[in-house]
Amino acid sequence: MGSASSVTVPYAAYLRVYEPLGAFPEPERTHWERYARREALPCAQDELRRSLADLLPTPPVPVPVHESGDAFVTVQDGVLCVCPWRTRLRGWLALGELPESLPAPVLDAALPPVVRRQAEADYERWQERNPDARPWIRTATWQVPLRWFVLFSDEEREYGKRGEYADGGEPDRGGRQGRDGLVLRYRTPMVQARRRVARGLRTLKDAIDEGPLIDGLVDVGRWLEEFHPRSLVELDYGGLVHMVPEAQLAEDHSAGDTAEGLAALRAGDGVRAGRAYERLTERWSAVRNRQYAN
């Protein structure tokens, strides 16, 4: 078995916000400006490997002791945009979600209750000093939540090898991962993402009144409001490209199916909306079921 520093960690997808450099206060702005000039920047796999290594000691370290000073960077229309990792904050948030996804005996064996209680106490003290803190990255394992696709259009889909995206833009430094550099991602300006969330919510509330999809979309919309209006929003399939056959990835147009379903609902065409939703649920149920495969 390889070490934690060499293993490839798949099965996670990401929703990221890249804010323009000017959105950061000093001295953080200067830090990111210098950081972006480095010769080599870490990628998403590097962050995952570091987190995995922290779980190997006894007792495990569920949340980093210090906050990460790393970020993903990209240039959008000539403007340097930064997506800080904030690994420690995201670790605390993920720790709070674990009881919903793991049976209690499994959770206690992996992370003893005393370790979790200490991490929760650390987070409460930190939160008192940082009440407005929020992560720039959201993570989903074994799936891409359907609500994330509402933010994007099929025309913004980018599929191909690292640095060979449809927009012909400057390749990113860090952040990419995948089979032989294979990437499936969507990117859109913040203003478009917010507009689509608002329109999608109106459509869903008119059609179904309430439900988990509406609640999830409301949550995403509130999160987006925390960022600079000239930010860039990215949905990255990340490690999911390791587990989905390449032919299926090539045919995956989930944002297009989502947009078609919402358009059908607005037009009162329940049959067409149902077909789009069926395509989405079948596609992503097949992916989620892989976590239970032996």
Protein backbone atom coordinates (compact mmCIF):
# COMPACT_ATOMS: atom_id res chain seq x y z
CA MET A 1 0.00 0.00 0.00
CA GLY A 2 1.32 3.46 -0.86
CA SER A 3 1.84 6.18 1.69
CA ALA A 4 -0.71 8.90 2.32
CA SER A 5 1.50 11.27 0.38
CA SER A 6 1.32 9.20 -2.81
CA VAL A 7 -2.23 7.82 -2.88
CA THR A 8 -4.77 9.34 -5.23
CA VAL A 9 -7.93 10.26 -3.34
CA PRO A 10 -11.02 10.23 -5.58
CA TYR A 11 -14.78 10.49 -5.14
CA ALA A 12 -15.09 14.18 -4.20
CA ALA A 13 -16.59 17.00 -6.28
CA TYR A 14 -16.30 20.71 -5.48
CA LEU A 15 -18.22 23.96 -5.74
CA ARG A 16 -15.72 26.80 -5.54
CA VAL A 17 -15.79 30.60 -5.52
CA TYR A 18 -12.79 32.52 -6.84
CA GLU A 19 -12.82 36.12 -5.63
CA PRO A 20 -10.87 38.92 -7.35
CA LEU A 21 -7.70 39.88 -5.54
CA GLY A 22 -9.16 43.28 -4.67
CA ALA A 23 -11.88 41.63 -2.56
CA PHE A 24 -9.34 40.59 0.09
CA PRO A 25 -8.27 42.99 2.84
CA GLU A 26 -4.65 43.59 3.70
CA PRO A 27 -2.42 41.87 4.63
CA GLU A 28 -4.19 38.89 3.05
CA ARG A 29 -4.26 40.58 -0.35
CA THR A 30 -0.50 40.93 -0.45
CA HIS A 31 -0.11 37.32 0.69
CA TRP A 32 -2.21 36.01 -2.21
CA GLU A 33 -0.51 38.31 -4.69
CA ARG A 34 2.87 36.88 -3.73
CA TYR A 35 1.48 33.36 -3.51
CA ALA A 36 0.21 33.48 -7.10
CA ARG A 37 3.72 34.22 -8.37
CA ARG A 38 5.13 30.92 -7.10
CA GLU A 39 6.56 28.52 -9.63
CA ALA A 40 4.41 25.58 -8.51
CA LEU A 41 1.13 25.57 -6.62
CA PRO A 42 -0.52 22.60 -4.86
CA CYS A 43 -3.63 20.91 -6.26
CA ALA A 44 -6.80 19.48 -4.72
CA GLN A 45 -5.18 16.07 -4.37
CA ASP A 46 -2.42 17.61 -2.25
CA GLU A 47 -4.97 18.98 0.19
CA LEU A 48 -6.75 15.63 0.42
CA ARG A 49 -3.50 13.75 0.99
CA ARG A 50 -2.54 16.09 3.82
CA SER A 51 -5.93 15.56 5.47
CA LEU A 52 -5.61 11.80 5.07
CA ALA A 53 -2.15 11.85 6.65
CA ASP A 54 -3.63 13.61 9.71
CA LEU A 55 -5.96 10.64 10.27
CA LEU A 56 -3.11 8.12 10.49
CA PRO A 57 -1.71 9.01 13.95
CA THR A 58 -3.23 7.73 17.20
CA PRO A 59 -5.28 9.59 18.21
CA PRO A 60 -6.19 10.98 14.78
CA VAL A 61 -6.19 14.71 13.99
CA PRO A 62 -9.65 15.37 12.49
CA VAL A 63 -9.04 19.08 11.90
CA PRO A 64 -5.67 20.74 11.11
CA VAL A 65 -4.09 22.55 14.03
CA HIS A 66 -3.33 25.59 11.84
CA GLU A 67 -5.29 27.12 8.98
CA SER A 68 -3.97 26.53 5.49
CA GLY A 69 -2.19 29.33 3.69
CA ASP A 70 -2.83 27.74 0.29
CA ALA A 71 -5.36 28.57 -2.40
CA PHE A 72 -6.40 27.82 -5.97
CA VAL A 73 -5.76 30.69 -8.36
CA THR A 74 -6.92 31.54 -11.85
CA VAL A 75 -6.96 34.55 -14.15
CA GLN A 76 -10.36 35.67 -15.42
CA ASP A 77 -10.51 38.47 -18.00
CA GLY A 78 -7.06 39.58 -16.91
CA VAL A 79 -7.98 39.68 -13.22
CA LEU A 80 -6.26 37.42 -10.70
CA CYS A 81 -8.90 35.47 -8.75
CA VAL A 82 -8.23 33.45 -5.61
CA CYS A 83 -10.07 30.58 -3.91
CA PRO A 84 -8.54 30.04 -0.43
CA TRP A 85 -8.56 26.46 0.82
CA ARG A 86 -9.52 27.27 4.43
CA THR A 87 -8.97 23.58 5.21
CA ARG A 88 -9.32 23.99 8.96
CA LEU A 89 -12.71 25.70 8.74
CA ARG A 90 -13.97 23.15 6.22
CA GLY A 91 -12.72 20.35 8.46
CA TRP A 92 -14.80 21.63 11.36
CA LEU A 93 -17.87 21.97 9.15
CA ALA A 94 -17.41 18.47 7.73
CA LEU A 95 -16.98 17.04 11.22
CA GLY A 96 -20.40 18.37 12.15
CA GLU A 97 -21.96 16.54 9.19
CA LEU A 98 -20.39 13.14 9.87
CA PRO A 99 -23.10 11.82 12.25
CA GLU A 100 -25.59 12.10 9.38
CA SER A 101 -23.48 9.99 7.01
CA LEU A 102 -21.84 7.33 9.22
CA PRO A 103 -23.29 4.81 11.70
CA ALA A 104 -22.34 5.68 15.28
CA PRO A 105 -20.08 2.61 15.83
CA VAL A 106 -18.14 3.35 12.63
CA LEU A 107 -17.80 7.03 13.49
CA ASP A 108 -16.63 6.26 17.04
CA ALA A 109 -14.04 3.80 15.76
CA ALA A 110 -12.66 6.24 13.17
CA LEU A 111 -12.86 9.36 15.35
CA PRO A 112 -13.31 8.65 19.08
CA PRO A 113 -15.91 10.84 20.83
CA VAL A 114 -13.25 12.55 22.97
CA VAL A 115 -11.43 13.65 19.81
CA ARG A 116 -14.63 14.99 18.26
CA ARG A 117 -15.61 16.85 21.43
CA GLN A 118 -12.23 18.57 21.57
CA ALA A 119 -12.51 19.62 17.92
CA GLU A 120 -16.04 20.94 18.51
CA ALA A 121 -14.85 22.97 21.51
CA ASP A 122 -11.99 24.39 19.45
CA TYR A 123 -14.44 25.40 16.72
CA GLU A 124 -16.78 27.12 19.18
CA ARG A 125 -13.93 29.21 20.58
CA TRP A 126 -12.66 30.04 17.08
CA GLN A 127 -16.16 30.95 15.88
CA GLU A 128 -16.57 33.47 18.69
CA ARG A 129 -13.56 35.33 17.29
CA ASN A 130 -14.56 34.85 13.63
CA PRO A 131 -18.39 35.06 13.48
CA ASP A 132 -18.51 35.98 9.78
CA ALA A 133 -16.15 33.29 8.47
CA ARG A 134 -17.33 31.17 5.54
CA PRO A 135 -15.63 28.65 3.25
CA TRP A 136 -14.83 29.39 -0.39
CA ILE A 137 -15.21 25.68 -1.22
CA ARG A 138 -18.06 23.22 -0.76
CA THR A 139 -17.40 19.50 -1.12
CA ALA A 140 -19.66 16.58 -2.01
CA THR A 141 -18.61 12.92 -1.96
CA TRP A 142 -19.84 10.27 -4.39
CA GLN A 143 -22.07 12.78 -6.19
CA VAL A 144 -22.66 16.26 -7.49
CA PRO A 145 -25.75 17.65 -5.71
CA LEU A 146 -28.42 18.45 -8.30
CA ARG A 147 -28.89 21.95 -6.86
CA TRP A 148 -25.31 22.83 -7.89
CA PHE A 149 -26.18 22.37 -11.55
CA VAL A 150 -28.81 25.12 -11.35
CA LEU A 151 -25.96 27.67 -11.25
CA PHE A 152 -24.62 26.76 -14.70
CA SER A 153 -25.59 26.34 -18.35
CA ASP A 154 -24.59 23.55 -20.69
CA GLU A 155 -22.61 26.08 -22.77
CA GLU A 156 -20.28 26.60 -19.79
CA ARG A 157 -19.36 22.92 -19.63
CA GLU A 158 -15.64 22.23 -20.11
CA TYR A 159 -14.52 18.67 -20.70
CA GLY A 160 -11.08 17.51 -21.73
CA LYS A 161 -7.46 17.20 -20.73
CA ARG A 162 -5.81 19.57 -18.31
CA GLY A 163 -5.30 22.99 -19.92
CA GLU A 164 -7.35 22.12 -23.04
CA TYR A 165 -10.63 23.76 -22.10
CA ALA A 166 -13.18 25.02 -24.54
CA ASP A 167 -12.73 28.66 -23.49
CA GLY A 168 -9.07 28.62 -24.54
CA GLY A 169 -8.22 30.51 -21.38
CA GLU A 170 -5.03 30.42 -19.41
CA PRO A 171 -4.59 27.01 -17.70
CA ASP A 172 -5.05 27.10 -13.94
CA ARG A 173 -2.14 26.61 -11.60
CA GLY A 174 -3.27 24.05 -9.06
CA GLY A 175 -6.77 22.80 -8.29
CA ARG A 176 -7.04 20.22 -11.06
CA GLN A 177 -7.08 16.51 -10.60
CA GLY A 178 -8.27 13.53 -12.58
CA ARG A 179 -7.52 10.53 -14.75
CA ASP A 180 -4.52 11.49 -16.90
CA GLY A 181 -5.40 15.15 -16.33
CA LEU A 182 -9.03 14.66 -17.41
CA VAL A 183 -11.33 17.42 -16.19
CA LEU A 184 -15.07 18.03 -16.27
CA ARG A 185 -16.05 21.41 -14.91
CA TYR A 186 -18.40 24.38 -15.29
CA ARG A 187 -17.54 28.02 -14.70
CA THR A 188 -19.75 31.08 -14.64
CA PRO A 189 -19.63 34.70 -13.42
CA MET A 190 -21.15 35.24 -9.99
CA VAL A 191 -23.86 37.48 -11.40
CA GLN A 192 -25.08 34.66 -13.65
CA ALA A 193 -25.00 32.11 -10.84
CA ARG A 194 -27.09 34.34 -8.58
CA ARG A 195 -29.56 35.08 -11.36
CA ARG A 196 -30.04 31.39 -12.11
CA VAL A 197 -30.53 30.54 -8.44
CA ALA A 198 -33.23 33.21 -8.11
CA ARG A 199 -35.01 32.14 -11.28
CA GLY A 200 -34.74 28.46 -10.37
CA LEU A 201 -36.22 29.11 -6.92
CA ARG A 202 -39.19 30.98 -8.40
CA THR A 203 -39.84 28.11 -10.80
CA LEU A 204 -39.59 25.40 -8.15
CA LYS A 205 -41.73 27.26 -5.61
CA ASP A 206 -44.44 27.77 -8.25
CA ALA A 207 -44.31 24.09 -9.19
CA ILE A 208 -43.75 22.16 -5.96
CA ASP A 209 -44.03 24.73 -3.15
CA GLU A 210 -41.48 23.08 -0.81
CA GLY A 211 -38.96 20.26 -0.62
CA PRO A 212 -35.26 19.43 -0.12
CA LEU A 213 -34.27 20.75 -3.56
CA ILE A 214 -35.72 24.16 -2.71
CA ASP A 215 -34.12 24.19 0.74
CA GLY A 216 -30.75 23.23 -0.73
CA LEU A 217 -30.96 25.90 -3.41
CA VAL A 218 -31.86 28.55 -0.83
CA ASP A 219 -28.78 27.56 1.15
CA VAL A 220 -26.52 27.79 -1.92
CA GLY A 221 -28.00 31.17 -2.82
CA ARG A 222 -27.29 32.56 0.65
CA TRP A 223 -23.73 31.27 0.46
CA LEU A 224 -23.14 32.98 -2.89
CA GLU A 225 -24.33 36.30 -1.49
CA GLU A 226 -21.31 36.28 0.86
CA PHE A 227 -18.86 36.90 -1.98
CA HIS A 228 -17.74 39.72 -4.25
CA PRO A 229 -20.15 40.27 -7.19
CA ARG A 230 -17.28 39.92 -9.69
CA SER A 231 -16.29 36.49 -8.42
CA LEU A 232 -16.09 33.35 -10.53
CA VAL A 233 -18.11 30.25 -9.57
CA GLU A 234 -16.82 26.79 -10.49
CA LEU A 235 -18.27 23.30 -10.30
CA ASP A 236 -15.44 20.76 -10.58
CA TYR A 237 -16.15 17.01 -10.86
CA GLY A 238 -12.77 16.55 -9.18
CA GLY A 239 -12.07 12.94 -8.28
CA LEU A 240 -15.36 11.66 -9.70
CA VAL A 241 -13.61 11.38 -13.07
CA HIS A 242 -11.70 8.44 -11.54
CA MET A 243 -14.83 6.36 -11.02
CA VAL A 244 -17.13 7.24 -13.93
CA PRO A 245 -16.28 5.60 -17.28
CA GLU A 246 -14.90 8.11 -19.76
CA ALA A 247 -17.66 7.43 -22.29
CA GLN A 248 -20.27 8.31 -19.65
CA LEU A 249 -18.41 11.48 -18.69
CA ALA A 250 -18.41 12.57 -22.32
CA GLU A 251 -22.20 12.16 -22.43
CA ASP A 252 -22.83 13.82 -19.06
CA HIS A 253 -24.69 17.09 -19.59
CA SER A 254 -26.28 17.38 -16.18
CA ALA A 255 -26.43 21.19 -16.17
CA GLY A 256 -28.23 21.05 -19.53
CA ASP A 257 -30.70 18.46 -18.19
CA THR A 258 -31.32 20.62 -15.12
CA ALA A 259 -31.95 23.71 -17.24
CA GLU A 260 -34.28 21.73 -19.50
CA GLY A 261 -36.26 20.45 -16.53
CA LEU A 262 -36.68 23.95 -15.07
CA ALA A 263 -37.69 25.37 -18.45
CA ALA A 264 -40.29 22.61 -18.81
CA LEU A 265 -41.69 23.41 -15.36
CA ARG A 266 -41.99 27.09 -16.29
CA ALA A 267 -43.85 26.06 -19.45
CA GLY A 268 -46.16 23.76 -17.50
CA ASP A 269 -44.84 20.69 -19.33
CA GLY A 270 -44.70 18.12 -16.54
CA VAL A 271 -43.90 15.24 -18.87
CA ARG A 272 -40.77 16.86 -20.28
CA ALA A 273 -39.71 18.00 -16.79
CA GLY A 274 -40.15 14.47 -15.51
CA ARG A 275 -37.98 13.04 -18.28
CA ALA A 276 -35.16 15.48 -17.52
CA TYR A 277 -35.37 14.72 -13.82
CA GLU A 278 -35.36 10.99 -14.52
CA ARG A 279 -32.16 11.31 -16.58
CA LEU A 280 -30.49 13.17 -13.72
CA THR A 281 -31.58 10.83 -10.95
CA GLU A 282 -30.64 7.69 -12.89
CA ARG A 283 -27.22 9.09 -13.73
CA TRP A 284 -26.37 10.17 -10.20
CA SER A 285 -27.99 7.24 -8.42
CA ALA A 286 -25.66 4.97 -10.39
CA VAL A 287 -22.67 7.03 -9.22
CA ARG A 288 -23.75 7.17 -5.54
CA ASN A 289 -24.42 3.41 -5.48
CA ARG A 290 -20.75 2.76 -6.25
CA GLN A 291 -19.79 3.67 -2.69
CA TYR A 292 -21.52 0.49 -1.52
CA ALA A 293 -19.84 -1.77 -4.09
CA ASN A 294 -17.48 -4.36 -2.69
